[in-house]
Protein backbone atom coordinates (compact mmCIF):
# COMPACT_ATOMS: atom_id res chain seq x y z
CA MET A 1 100.07 55.71 129.80
CA ILE A 2 100.73 52.93 132.30
CA ARG A 3 104.23 51.57 132.82
CA HIS A 4 105.10 48.13 134.19
CA HIS A 5 108.50 47.17 135.53
CA ALA A 6 110.39 43.95 135.99
CA GLU A 7 113.96 43.56 137.13
CA VAL A 8 116.11 40.74 135.81
CA ALA A 9 119.39 40.09 137.62
CA TRP A 10 122.19 37.65 136.79
CA ALA A 11 125.87 37.42 137.73
CA LEU A 12 128.76 35.24 136.67
CA LYS A 13 129.81 32.92 139.50
CA GLU A 14 133.39 32.27 140.48
CA GLY A 15 134.91 29.43 138.48
CA GLU A 16 132.50 29.72 135.53
CA ASP A 17 133.85 30.29 132.01
CA PHE A 18 131.68 32.77 130.15
CA LEU A 19 133.44 32.59 126.80
CA LYS A 20 133.24 28.78 126.70
CA GLY A 21 129.52 28.89 127.61
CA ARG A 22 130.17 27.12 130.90
CA TYR A 23 128.13 29.38 133.16
CA SER A 24 124.77 29.18 134.85
CA ARG A 25 121.93 31.06 133.21
CA ALA A 26 119.93 30.98 136.46
CA HIS A 27 118.75 34.45 137.40
CA GLU A 28 116.16 36.33 139.42
CA VAL A 29 113.10 38.10 138.11
CA GLY A 30 111.71 40.80 140.37
CA PHE A 31 108.35 42.50 140.19
CA ASP A 32 107.03 45.54 142.02
CA ALA A 33 104.56 43.40 144.02
CA PRO A 34 107.22 42.94 145.72
CA LEU A 35 107.93 39.45 144.49
CA THR A 36 111.08 37.78 143.22
CA ILE A 37 111.07 34.44 141.43
CA ALA A 38 113.84 32.16 140.23
CA GLY A 39 114.33 32.28 136.47
CA SER A 40 116.26 30.08 134.09
CA PRO A 41 116.13 29.00 130.49
CA SER A 42 114.39 25.68 130.01
CA PRO A 43 116.73 22.67 130.13
CA HIS A 44 115.34 21.98 126.62
CA VAL A 45 117.02 25.19 125.45
CA VAL A 46 120.14 25.31 127.66
CA PRO A 47 121.19 21.94 129.07
CA LYS A 48 121.81 21.33 132.75
CA PRO A 49 123.88 22.24 134.73
CA TRP A 50 123.74 25.64 132.98
CA SER A 51 119.96 25.80 133.51
CA THR A 52 117.69 24.62 136.29
CA GLU A 53 114.29 22.92 136.24
CA ALA A 54 113.47 24.50 139.62
CA ALA A 55 112.96 27.92 138.03
CA VAL A 56 110.48 29.52 135.64
CA ASP A 57 111.62 29.98 132.06
CA PRO A 58 110.61 32.97 129.89
CA GLU A 59 108.37 30.86 127.67
CA GLU A 60 106.44 29.64 130.72
CA MET A 61 106.11 33.24 131.90
CA LEU A 62 104.69 34.24 128.50
CA THR A 63 102.24 31.33 128.56
CA ALA A 64 101.18 32.21 132.11
CA ALA A 65 100.82 35.90 131.23
CA ILE A 66 98.49 35.08 128.34
CA ALA A 67 96.47 32.65 130.49
CA ALA A 68 96.18 35.07 133.43
CA CYS A 69 95.23 37.97 131.16
CA HIS A 70 92.55 35.88 129.45
CA MET A 71 91.18 34.78 132.83
CA LEU A 72 90.98 38.33 134.17
CA SER A 73 89.36 39.51 130.94
CA PHE A 74 86.93 36.57 131.03
CA LEU A 75 85.88 37.44 134.59
CA GLN A 76 85.12 40.99 133.45
CA ALA A 77 83.27 39.79 130.34
CA ALA A 78 81.14 37.45 132.45
CA ARG A 79 80.38 40.22 134.94
CA ASP A 80 79.44 42.56 132.09
CA VAL A 81 76.63 40.20 131.03
CA GLY A 82 75.50 39.37 134.57
CA ARG A 83 77.13 35.94 134.92
CA VAL A 84 78.71 34.99 138.24
CA VAL A 85 81.94 32.98 137.99
CA THR A 86 82.76 31.03 141.16
CA ALA A 87 85.95 29.27 140.04
CA TYR A 88 88.35 29.38 137.09
CA ARG A 89 91.35 27.16 136.36
CA ASP A 90 93.42 26.90 133.21
CA ALA A 91 95.89 24.27 132.05
CA ALA A 92 97.55 26.48 129.42
CA GLU A 93 100.18 25.12 127.07
CA GLY A 94 102.68 27.11 125.02
CA THR A 95 104.32 25.56 121.95
CA MET A 96 107.75 26.55 120.67
CA GLU A 97 108.80 25.75 117.15
CA LYS A 98 111.14 27.04 114.51
CA ASN A 99 109.98 29.80 112.19
CA ALA A 100 110.70 29.98 108.44
CA GLU A 101 114.15 31.45 109.13
CA GLY A 102 115.02 28.67 111.59
CA GLY A 103 114.66 30.75 114.75
CA TRP A 104 112.67 29.53 117.75
CA TRP A 105 109.47 31.28 118.85
CA VAL A 106 106.38 30.62 120.93
CA SER A 107 104.03 30.09 118.02
CA ARG A 108 100.91 28.99 119.88
CA VAL A 109 99.35 29.09 123.31
CA VAL A 110 96.36 26.87 123.96
CA LEU A 111 94.18 27.86 126.90
CA ARG A 112 92.14 25.09 128.49
CA PRO A 113 89.98 26.89 131.01
CA TRP A 114 87.67 25.06 133.38
CA ILE A 115 85.06 27.45 134.74
CA GLU A 116 82.31 27.14 137.36
CA PHE A 117 79.34 29.47 137.37
CA ALA A 118 76.71 30.21 139.99
CA GLY A 119 73.31 29.13 138.73
CA GLU A 120 72.74 27.89 135.19
CA PRO A 121 76.02 27.79 133.21
CA PRO A 122 76.09 29.48 129.80
CA ASP A 123 75.40 27.33 126.76
CA GLU A 124 78.18 26.62 124.27
CA LEU A 125 77.44 29.69 122.12
CA ASP A 126 77.30 32.06 125.09
CA LEU A 127 80.52 30.58 126.50
CA ALA A 128 82.25 31.04 123.15
CA ALA A 129 81.04 34.66 123.06
CA LEU A 130 82.47 35.26 126.54
CA HIS A 131 85.84 33.81 125.49
CA HIS A 132 85.83 35.92 122.33
CA ALA A 133 85.09 39.07 124.36
CA ALA A 134 87.86 38.12 126.81
CA HIS A 135 90.33 37.59 123.97
CA GLU A 136 89.47 40.99 122.50
CA MET A 137 90.00 42.63 125.92
CA CYS A 138 93.24 40.83 126.82
CA PHE A 139 96.17 43.26 126.71
CA ILE A 140 98.73 40.48 126.39
CA ALA A 141 96.95 38.66 123.54
CA ASN A 142 96.72 42.01 121.77
CA SER A 143 100.49 42.46 122.18
CA VAL A 144 101.85 39.22 120.70
CA LYS A 145 101.81 37.54 117.30
CA THR A 146 101.51 34.13 118.97
CA GLU A 147 98.31 32.30 118.05
CA VAL A 148 96.07 32.08 121.14
CA VAL A 149 93.45 29.31 121.07
CA VAL A 150 90.78 28.63 123.69
CA GLU A 151 89.67 25.03 124.20
CA PRO A 152 87.19 25.11 127.09
CA ALA A 153 87.43 22.08 129.36
């Protein structure tokens, strides 16, 4: 078993009114790298000034986690079949919508990877097979009910 840790820290600031909802939701997210990033709900979810655009929201972190996991799995899948990847970028997009009960969820993440290969690039079928293998390997994609779609650039 492998365990992963993240620390989320928030504190009420002087002058804020918790019970009236007049408090900042800005917080810190720490990882064992060591790395700490600024976190906040999206201003689409919690209006400013109780959120901040200068921080990463949980939905962005989920989208990035899926995109990074797919990339790392893709690199391994390419290596497994003898392909050399020289660059990989993704313009991933997560979509939030209401479910049947009216609650919000990240229903879909679209990955839009742009990949460079050394030598002859794979044809469309081989590229699709690499993305399928990467999706099957991706721990994060295997952990969520969110639809993950790959639209190669």
